[in-house]
């Protein structure tokens, strides 16, 4: 069976306010993985459009991030799910 590993990057400049999940956790599509406080002071949720198991978390609370920062990696469970 093929394995697909996704890299989770930050879309924002800011600071990690909270790491919501831990390595090996199973996460669902669009589930919040990280909370980021942007340079404008907004609290943004970071998520990914696939479900699977987190392989790694590469950042910690309080860390400064940019749009090229790798936040973690996720192994896709390759399950097709639907939502309205």
PDB file of N, CA and C in Angstrom:
ATOM      1  N   UNK A   1       0.842  -1.184   0.000  1.00  0.00           N
ATOM      2  CA  UNK A   1       0.000   0.000   0.000  1.00  0.00           C
ATOM      3  C   UNK A   1       0.887   1.247   0.000  1.00  0.00           C
ATOM      4  N   UNK A   2       0.508   2.213  -0.775  1.00  0.00           N
ATOM      5  CA  UNK A   2       1.262   3.465  -0.842  1.00  0.00           C
ATOM      6  C   UNK A   2       1.081   4.273   0.427  1.00  0.00           C
ATOM      7  N   UNK A   3       2.104   5.034   0.757  1.00  0.00           N
ATOM      8  CA  UNK A   3       2.046   5.922   1.910  1.00  0.00           C
ATOM      9  C   UNK A   3       2.229   7.345   1.411  1.00  0.00           C
ATOM     10  N   UNK A   4       1.367   8.228   1.869  1.00  0.00           N
ATOM     11  CA  UNK A   4       1.467   9.640   1.516  1.00  0.00           C
ATOM     12  C   UNK A   4       1.702  10.428   2.805  1.00  0.00           C
ATOM     13  N   UNK A   5       2.789  11.173   2.821  1.00  0.00           N
ATOM     14  CA  UNK A   5       3.120  12.010   3.978  1.00  0.00           C
ATOM     15  C   UNK A   5       3.027  13.466   3.542  1.00  0.00           C
ATOM     16  N   UNK A   6       2.237  14.232   4.273  1.00  0.00           N
ATOM     17  CA  UNK A   6       2.037  15.653   3.990  1.00  0.00           C
ATOM     18  C   UNK A   6       2.875  16.493   4.953  1.00  0.00           C
ATOM     19  N   UNK A   7       3.493  17.530   4.423  1.00  0.00           N
ATOM     20  CA  UNK A   7       4.179  18.512   5.252  1.00  0.00           C
ATOM     21  C   UNK A   7       3.180  19.607   5.586  1.00  0.00           C
ATOM     22  N   UNK A   8       3.105  19.989   6.848  1.00  0.00           N
ATOM     23  CA  UNK A   8       2.196  21.039   7.294  1.00  0.00           C
ATOM     24  C   UNK A   8       3.025  22.314   7.460  1.00  0.00           C
ATOM     25  N   UNK A   9       2.743  23.306   6.615  1.00  0.00           N
ATOM     26  CA  UNK A   9       3.448  24.582   6.668  1.00  0.00           C
ATOM     27  C   UNK A   9       2.538  25.658   7.235  1.00  0.00           C
ATOM     28  N   UNK A  10       3.160  26.677   7.789  1.00  0.00           N
ATOM     29  CA  UNK A  10       2.405  27.824   8.285  1.00  0.00           C
ATOM     30  C   UNK A  10       2.024  28.735   7.126  1.00  0.00           C
ATOM     31  N   UNK A  11       0.782  29.182   7.074  1.00  0.00           N
ATOM     32  CA  UNK A  11       0.428  30.202   6.096  1.00  0.00           C
ATOM     33  C   UNK A  11       0.620  31.633   6.648  1.00  0.00           C
ATOM     34  N   UNK A  12       1.102  31.749   7.877  1.00  0.00           N
ATOM     35  CA  UNK A  12       1.153  33.052   8.554  1.00  0.00           C
ATOM     36  C   UNK A  12       2.539  33.384   9.086  1.00  0.00           C
ATOM     37  N   UNK A  13       2.771  34.671   9.288  1.00  0.00           N
ATOM     38  CA  UNK A  13       3.843  35.167  10.143  1.00  0.00           C
ATOM     39  C   UNK A  13       3.223  35.309  11.518  1.00  0.00           C
ATOM     40  N   UNK A  14       3.901  34.871  12.556  1.00  0.00           N
ATOM     41  CA  UNK A  14       3.348  35.031  13.896  1.00  0.00           C
ATOM     42  C   UNK A  14       4.048  34.169  14.918  1.00  0.00           C
ATOM     43  N   UNK A  15       3.286  33.834  15.970  1.00  0.00           N
ATOM     44  CA  UNK A  15       3.797  33.064  17.100  1.00  0.00           C
ATOM     45  C   UNK A  15       2.859  31.902  17.376  1.00  0.00           C
ATOM     46  N   UNK A  16       3.427  30.726  17.643  1.00  0.00           N
ATOM     47  CA  UNK A  16       2.615  29.568  18.023  1.00  0.00           C
ATOM     48  C   UNK A  16       2.029  29.840  19.405  1.00  0.00           C
ATOM     49  N   UNK A  17       0.720  29.939  19.478  1.00  0.00           N
ATOM     50  CA  UNK A  17       0.031  30.142  20.762  1.00  0.00           C
ATOM     51  C   UNK A  17      -0.243  28.803  21.437  1.00  0.00           C
ATOM     52  N   UNK A  18      -0.584  27.781  20.616  1.00  0.00           N
ATOM     53  CA  UNK A  18      -0.884  26.470  21.192  1.00  0.00           C
ATOM     54  C   UNK A  18      -0.666  25.388  20.146  1.00  0.00           C
ATOM     55  N   UNK A  19      -0.041  24.299  20.570  1.00  0.00           N
ATOM     56  CA  UNK A  19       0.030  23.076  19.771  1.00  0.00           C
ATOM     57  C   UNK A  19      -1.109  22.207  20.283  1.00  0.00           C
ATOM     58  N   UNK A  20      -2.135  22.018  19.464  1.00  0.00           N
ATOM     59  CA  UNK A  20      -3.376  21.376  19.906  1.00  0.00           C
ATOM     60  C   UNK A  20      -3.263  19.853  19.919  1.00  0.00           C
ATOM     61  N   UNK A  21      -2.426  19.287  19.055  1.00  0.00           N
ATOM     62  CA  UNK A  21      -2.298  17.837  18.932  1.00  0.00           C
ATOM     63  C   UNK A  21      -0.875  17.404  19.248  1.00  0.00           C
ATOM     64  N   UNK A  22      -0.680  16.106  19.344  1.00  0.00           N
ATOM     65  CA  UNK A  22       0.631  15.536  19.649  1.00  0.00           C
ATOM     66  C   UNK A  22       1.002  14.493  18.603  1.00  0.00           C
ATOM     67  N   UNK A  23       2.305  14.186  18.459  1.00  0.00           N
ATOM     68  CA  UNK A  23       2.702  13.141  17.509  1.00  0.00           C
ATOM     69  C   UNK A  23       1.959  11.830  17.787  1.00  0.00           C
ATOM     70  N   UNK A  24       1.610  11.149  16.710  1.00  0.00           N
ATOM     71  CA  UNK A  24       0.879   9.882  16.677  1.00  0.00           C
ATOM     72  C   UNK A  24      -0.619  10.035  16.913  1.00  0.00           C
ATOM     73  N   UNK A  25      -1.090  11.251  17.230  1.00  0.00           N
ATOM     74  CA  UNK A  25      -2.537  11.484  17.321  1.00  0.00           C
ATOM     75  C   UNK A  25      -3.161  11.279  15.949  1.00  0.00           C
ATOM     76  N   UNK A  26      -4.369  10.739  15.928  1.00  0.00           N
ATOM     77  CA  UNK A  26      -5.148  10.693  14.687  1.00  0.00           C
ATOM     78  C   UNK A  26      -5.924  11.999  14.616  1.00  0.00           C
ATOM     79  N   UNK A  27      -5.878  12.646  13.464  1.00  0.00           N
ATOM     80  CA  UNK A  27      -6.615  13.898  13.280  1.00  0.00           C
ATOM     81  C   UNK A  27      -7.534  13.763  12.073  1.00  0.00           C
ATOM     82  N   UNK A  28      -8.616  14.506  12.100  1.00  0.00           N
ATOM     83  CA  UNK A  28      -9.605  14.493  11.033  1.00  0.00           C
ATOM     84  C   UNK A  28      -9.414  15.699  10.129  1.00  0.00           C
ATOM     85  N   UNK A  29      -9.969  15.605   8.908  1.00  0.00           N
ATOM     86  CA  UNK A  29      -9.901  16.727   7.976  1.00  0.00           C
ATOM     87  C   UNK A  29     -10.360  18.008   8.661  1.00  0.00           C
ATOM     88  N   UNK A  30      -9.627  19.075   8.459  1.00  0.00           N
ATOM     89  CA  UNK A  30      -9.947  20.427   8.922  1.00  0.00           C
ATOM     90  C   UNK A  30      -9.961  20.571  10.444  1.00  0.00           C
ATOM     91  N   UNK A  31      -9.489  19.564  11.179  1.00  0.00           N
ATOM     92  CA  UNK A  31      -9.358  19.682  12.631  1.00  0.00           C
ATOM     93  C   UNK A  31      -8.225  20.664  12.936  1.00  0.00           C
ATOM     94  N   UNK A  32      -8.410  21.510  13.936  1.00  0.00           N
ATOM     95  CA  UNK A  32      -7.369  22.466  14.321  1.00  0.00           C
ATOM     96  C   UNK A  32      -6.169  21.725  14.886  1.00  0.00           C
ATOM     97  N   UNK A  33      -4.995  22.023  14.327  1.00  0.00           N
ATOM     98  CA  UNK A  33      -3.751  21.404  14.786  1.00  0.00           C
ATOM     99  C   UNK A  33      -2.902  22.373  15.605  1.00  0.00           C
ATOM    100  N   UNK A  34      -2.943  23.647  15.212  1.00  0.00           N
ATOM    101  CA  UNK A  34      -2.152  24.694  15.864  1.00  0.00           C
ATOM    102  C   UNK A  34      -2.970  25.970  15.933  1.00  0.00           C
ATOM    103  N   UNK A  35      -2.716  26.779  16.959  1.00  0.00           N
ATOM    104  CA  UNK A  35      -3.260  28.135  17.036  1.00  0.00           C
ATOM    105  C   UNK A  35      -2.084  29.098  16.929  1.00  0.00           C
ATOM    106  N   UNK A  36      -2.235  30.084  16.042  1.00  0.00           N
ATOM    107  CA  UNK A  36      -1.165  31.040  15.777  1.00  0.00           C
ATOM    108  C   UNK A  36      -1.686  32.449  15.999  1.00  0.00           C
ATOM    109  N   UNK A  37      -0.913  33.250  16.727  1.00  0.00           N
ATOM    110  CA  UNK A  37      -1.214  34.676  16.860  1.00  0.00           C
ATOM    111  C   UNK A  37      -0.397  35.389  15.790  1.00  0.00           C
ATOM    112  N   UNK A  38      -1.103  36.030  14.854  1.00  0.00           N
ATOM    113  CA  UNK A  38      -0.440  36.702  13.740  1.00  0.00           C
ATOM    114  C   UNK A  38       0.193  38.016  14.197  1.00  0.00           C
ATOM    115  N   UNK A  39       0.989  38.599  13.326  1.00  0.00           N
ATOM    116  CA  UNK A  39       1.596  39.894  13.611  1.00  0.00           C
ATOM    117  C   UNK A  39       0.568  40.989  13.831  1.00  0.00           C
ATOM    118  N   UNK A  40      -0.657  40.794  13.279  1.00  0.00           N
ATOM    119  CA  UNK A  40      -1.750  41.759  13.463  1.00  0.00           C
ATOM    120  C   UNK A  40      -2.538  41.492  14.738  1.00  0.00           C
ATOM    121  N   UNK A  41      -2.156  40.457  15.482  1.00  0.00           N
ATOM    122  CA  UNK A  41      -2.823  40.148  16.741  1.00  0.00           C
ATOM    123  C   UNK A  41      -4.021  39.224  16.627  1.00  0.00           C
ATOM    124  N   UNK A  42      -4.316  38.715  15.421  1.00  0.00           N
ATOM    125  CA  UNK A  42      -5.444  37.789  15.238  1.00  0.00           C
ATOM    126  C   UNK A  42      -5.028  36.377  15.609  1.00  0.00           C
ATOM    127  N   UNK A  43      -5.945  35.625  16.221  1.00  0.00           N
ATOM    128  CA  UNK A  43      -5.713  34.226  16.535  1.00  0.00           C
ATOM    129  C   UNK A  43      -6.253  33.389  15.381  1.00  0.00           C
ATOM    130  N   UNK A  44      -5.375  32.656  14.713  1.00  0.00           N
ATOM    131  CA  UNK A  44      -5.738  31.856  13.543  1.00  0.00           C
ATOM    132  C   UNK A  44      -5.560  30.373  13.830  1.00  0.00           C
ATOM    133  N   UNK A  45      -6.473  29.565  13.293  1.00  0.00           N
ATOM    134  CA  UNK A  45      -6.409  28.110  13.411  1.00  0.00           C
ATOM    135  C   UNK A  45      -5.686  27.561  12.186  1.00  0.00           C
ATOM    136  N   UNK A  46      -4.750  26.643  12.405  1.00  0.00           N
ATOM    137  CA  UNK A  46      -4.085  25.969  11.294  1.00  0.00           C
ATOM    138  C   UNK A  46      -4.576  24.535  11.261  1.00  0.00           C
ATOM    139  N   UNK A  47      -5.020  24.106  10.069  1.00  0.00           N
ATOM    140  CA  UNK A  47      -5.533  22.756   9.881  1.00  0.00           C
ATOM    141  C   UNK A  47      -5.078  22.247   8.524  1.00  0.00           C
ATOM    142  N   UNK A  48      -5.463  21.009   8.205  1.00  0.00           N
ATOM    143  CA  UNK A  48      -5.094  20.416   6.924  1.00  0.00           C
ATOM    144  C   UNK A  48      -6.306  19.651   6.397  1.00  0.00           C
ATOM    145  N   UNK A  49      -6.458  19.587   5.100  1.00  0.00           N
ATOM    146  CA  UNK A  49      -7.647  19.006   4.481  1.00  0.00           C
ATOM    147  C   UNK A  49      -7.619  17.505   4.293  1.00  0.00           C
ATOM    148  N   UNK A  50      -6.831  16.806   5.102  1.00  0.00           N
ATOM    149  CA  UNK A  50      -6.796  15.342   5.058  1.00  0.00           C
ATOM    150  C   UNK A  50      -6.805  14.804   6.478  1.00  0.00           C
ATOM    151  N   UNK A  51      -7.186  13.544   6.612  1.00  0.00           N
ATOM    152  CA  UNK A  51      -7.136  12.899   7.917  1.00  0.00           C
ATOM    153  C   UNK A  51      -5.961  11.927   7.946  1.00  0.00           C
ATOM    154  N   UNK A  52      -5.481  11.634   9.130  1.00  0.00           N
ATOM    155  CA  UNK A  52      -4.373  10.697   9.274  1.00  0.00           C
ATOM    156  C   UNK A  52      -3.707  10.829  10.627  1.00  0.00           C
ATOM    157  N   UNK A  53      -2.481  10.287  10.723  1.00  0.00           N
ATOM    158  CA  UNK A  53      -1.723  10.315  11.976  1.00  0.00           C
ATOM    159  C   UNK A  53      -0.568  11.305  11.873  1.00  0.00           C
ATOM    160  N   UNK A  54      -0.438  12.128  12.896  1.00  0.00           N
ATOM    161  CA  UNK A  54       0.684  13.066  12.947  1.00  0.00           C
ATOM    162  C   UNK A  54       1.966  12.283  13.194  1.00  0.00           C
ATOM    163  N   UNK A  55       2.929  12.478  12.332  1.00  0.00           N
ATOM    164  CA  UNK A  55       4.217  11.820  12.501  1.00  0.00           C
ATOM    165  C   UNK A  55       5.171  12.664  13.330  1.00  0.00           C
ATOM    166  N   UNK A  56       5.067  13.988  13.173  1.00  0.00           N
ATOM    167  CA  UNK A  56       5.970  14.861  13.928  1.00  0.00           C
ATOM    168  C   UNK A  56       5.334  16.222  14.139  1.00  0.00           C
ATOM    169  N   UNK A  57       5.770  16.866  15.210  1.00  0.00           N
ATOM    170  CA  UNK A  57       5.471  18.268  15.495  1.00  0.00           C
ATOM    171  C   UNK A  57       6.824  18.956  15.562  1.00  0.00           C
ATOM    172  N   UNK A  58       7.032  19.961  14.725  1.00  0.00           N
ATOM    173  CA  UNK A  58       8.347  20.594  14.593  1.00  0.00           C
ATOM    174  C   UNK A  58       8.453  21.948  15.290  1.00  0.00           C
ATOM    175  N   UNK A  59       7.380  22.396  15.953  1.00  0.00           N
ATOM    176  CA  UNK A  59       7.379  23.700  16.621  1.00  0.00           C
ATOM    177  C   UNK A  59       6.851  23.537  18.041  1.00  0.00           C
ATOM    178  N   UNK A  60       7.060  24.549  18.839  1.00  0.00           N
ATOM    179  CA  UNK A  60       6.546  24.534  20.208  1.00  0.00           C
ATOM    180  C   UNK A  60       5.908  25.881  20.530  1.00  0.00           C
ATOM    181  N   UNK A  61       5.138  25.891  21.602  1.00  0.00           N
ATOM    182  CA  UNK A  61       4.442  27.099  22.022  1.00  0.00           C
ATOM    183  C   UNK A  61       5.444  28.237  22.219  1.00  0.00           C
ATOM    184  N   UNK A  62       5.087  29.423  21.698  1.00  0.00           N
ATOM    185  CA  UNK A  62       5.921  30.602  21.845  1.00  0.00           C
ATOM    186  C   UNK A  62       6.903  30.802  20.716  1.00  0.00           C
ATOM    187  N   UNK A  63       7.032  29.814  19.833  1.00  0.00           N
ATOM    188  CA  UNK A  63       7.991  29.908  18.732  1.00  0.00           C
ATOM    189  C   UNK A  63       7.499  30.847  17.644  1.00  0.00           C
ATOM    190  N   UNK A  64       8.407  31.684  17.140  1.00  0.00           N
ATOM    191  CA  UNK A  64       8.105  32.580  16.018  1.00  0.00           C
ATOM    192  C   UNK A  64       8.113  31.758  14.730  1.00  0.00           C
ATOM    193  N   UNK A  65       7.124  32.021  13.850  1.00  0.00           N
ATOM    194  CA  UNK A  65       7.024  31.275  12.598  1.00  0.00           C
ATOM    195  C   UNK A  65       6.820  32.220  11.417  1.00  0.00           C
ATOM    196  N   UNK A  66       7.096  31.696  10.229  1.00  0.00           N
ATOM    197  CA  UNK A  66       6.883  32.414   8.968  1.00  0.00           C
ATOM    198  C   UNK A  66       6.166  31.459   8.015  1.00  0.00           C
ATOM    199  N   UNK A  67       5.740  31.943   6.846  1.00  0.00           N
ATOM    200  CA  UNK A  67       5.062  31.054   5.896  1.00  0.00           C
ATOM    201  C   UNK A  67       5.912  29.907   5.352  1.00  0.00           C
ATOM    202  N   UNK A  68       7.182  29.870   5.603  1.00  0.00           N
ATOM    203  CA  UNK A  68       7.997  28.732   5.170  1.00  0.00           C
ATOM    204  C   UNK A  68       8.302  27.761   6.314  1.00  0.00           C
ATOM    205  N   UNK A  69       7.823  28.063   7.518  1.00  0.00           N
ATOM    206  CA  UNK A  69       8.078  27.196   8.662  1.00  0.00           C
ATOM    207  C   UNK A  69       7.306  25.890   8.530  1.00  0.00           C
ATOM    208  N   UNK A  70       8.017  24.778   8.693  1.00  0.00           N
ATOM    209  CA  UNK A  70       7.367  23.468   8.742  1.00  0.00           C
ATOM    210  C   UNK A  70       6.881  23.254  10.170  1.00  0.00           C
ATOM    211  N   UNK A  71       5.566  23.054  10.307  1.00  0.00           N
ATOM    212  CA  UNK A  71       4.972  22.866  11.631  1.00  0.00           C
ATOM    213  C   UNK A  71       4.962  21.397  12.039  1.00  0.00           C
ATOM    214  N   UNK A  72       4.831  20.509  11.059  1.00  0.00           N
ATOM    215  CA  UNK A  72       4.793  19.082  11.344  1.00  0.00           C
ATOM    216  C   UNK A  72       4.566  18.273  10.088  1.00  0.00           C
ATOM    217  N   UNK A  73       4.439  16.958  10.271  1.00  0.00           N
ATOM    218  CA  UNK A  73       4.143  16.056   9.155  1.00  0.00           C
ATOM    219  C   UNK A  73       3.001  15.132   9.550  1.00  0.00           C
ATOM    220  N   UNK A  74       2.239  14.719   8.545  1.00  0.00           N
ATOM    221  CA  UNK A  74       1.060  13.877   8.769  1.00  0.00           C
ATOM    222  C   UNK A  74       1.036  12.762   7.728  1.00  0.00           C
ATOM    223  N   UNK A  75       0.837  11.517   8.185  1.00  0.00           N
ATOM    224  CA  UNK A  75       0.664  10.393   7.268  1.00  0.00           C
ATOM    225  C   UNK A  75      -0.814  10.262   6.952  1.00  0.00           C
ATOM    226  N   UNK A  76      -1.172  10.426   5.689  1.00  0.00           N
ATOM    227  CA  UNK A  76      -2.555  10.351   5.218  1.00  0.00           C
ATOM    228  C   UNK A  76      -3.093   8.944   5.448  1.00  0.00           C
ATOM    229  N   UNK A  77      -4.301   8.842   6.021  1.00  0.00           N
ATOM    230  CA  UNK A  77      -4.898   7.514   6.222  1.00  0.00           C
ATOM    231  C   UNK A  77      -5.624   7.017   4.975  1.00  0.00           C
ATOM    232  N   UNK A  78      -5.661   7.865   3.940  1.00  0.00           N
ATOM    233  CA  UNK A  78      -6.227   7.515   2.631  1.00  0.00           C
ATOM    234  C   UNK A  78      -7.703   7.122   2.698  1.00  0.00           C
ATOM    235  N   UNK A  79      -8.393   7.588   3.731  1.00  0.00           N
ATOM    236  CA  UNK A  79      -9.828   7.329   3.852  1.00  0.00           C
ATOM    237  C   UNK A  79     -10.596   8.468   3.181  1.00  0.00           C
ATOM    238  N   UNK A  80     -11.547   8.101   2.338  1.00  0.00           N
ATOM    239  CA  UNK A  80     -12.382   9.093   1.681  1.00  0.00           C
ATOM    240  C   UNK A  80     -13.522   9.443   2.619  1.00  0.00           C
ATOM    241  N   UNK A  81     -13.634  10.716   2.939  1.00  0.00           N
ATOM    242  CA  UNK A  81     -14.732  11.182   3.792  1.00  0.00           C
ATOM    243  C   UNK A  81     -15.455  12.293   3.062  1.00  0.00           C
ATOM    244  N   UNK A  82     -16.658  12.534   3.453  1.00  0.00           N
ATOM    245  CA  UNK A  82     -17.440  13.587   2.806  1.00  0.00           C
ATOM    246  C   UNK A  82     -18.089  14.484   3.815  1.00  0.00           C
ATOM    247  N   UNK A  83     -18.343  15.677   3.388  1.00  0.00           N
ATOM    248  CA  UNK A  83     -19.077  16.619   4.229  1.00  0.00           C
ATOM    249  C   UNK A  83     -19.802  17.580   3.317  1.00  0.00           C
ATOM    250  N   UNK A  84     -20.808  18.205   3.856  1.00  0.00           N
ATOM    251  CA  UNK A  84     -21.583  19.147   3.063  1.00  0.00           C
ATOM    252  C   UNK A  84     -21.023  20.542   3.175  1.00  0.00           C
TER     253      UNK A  84
END
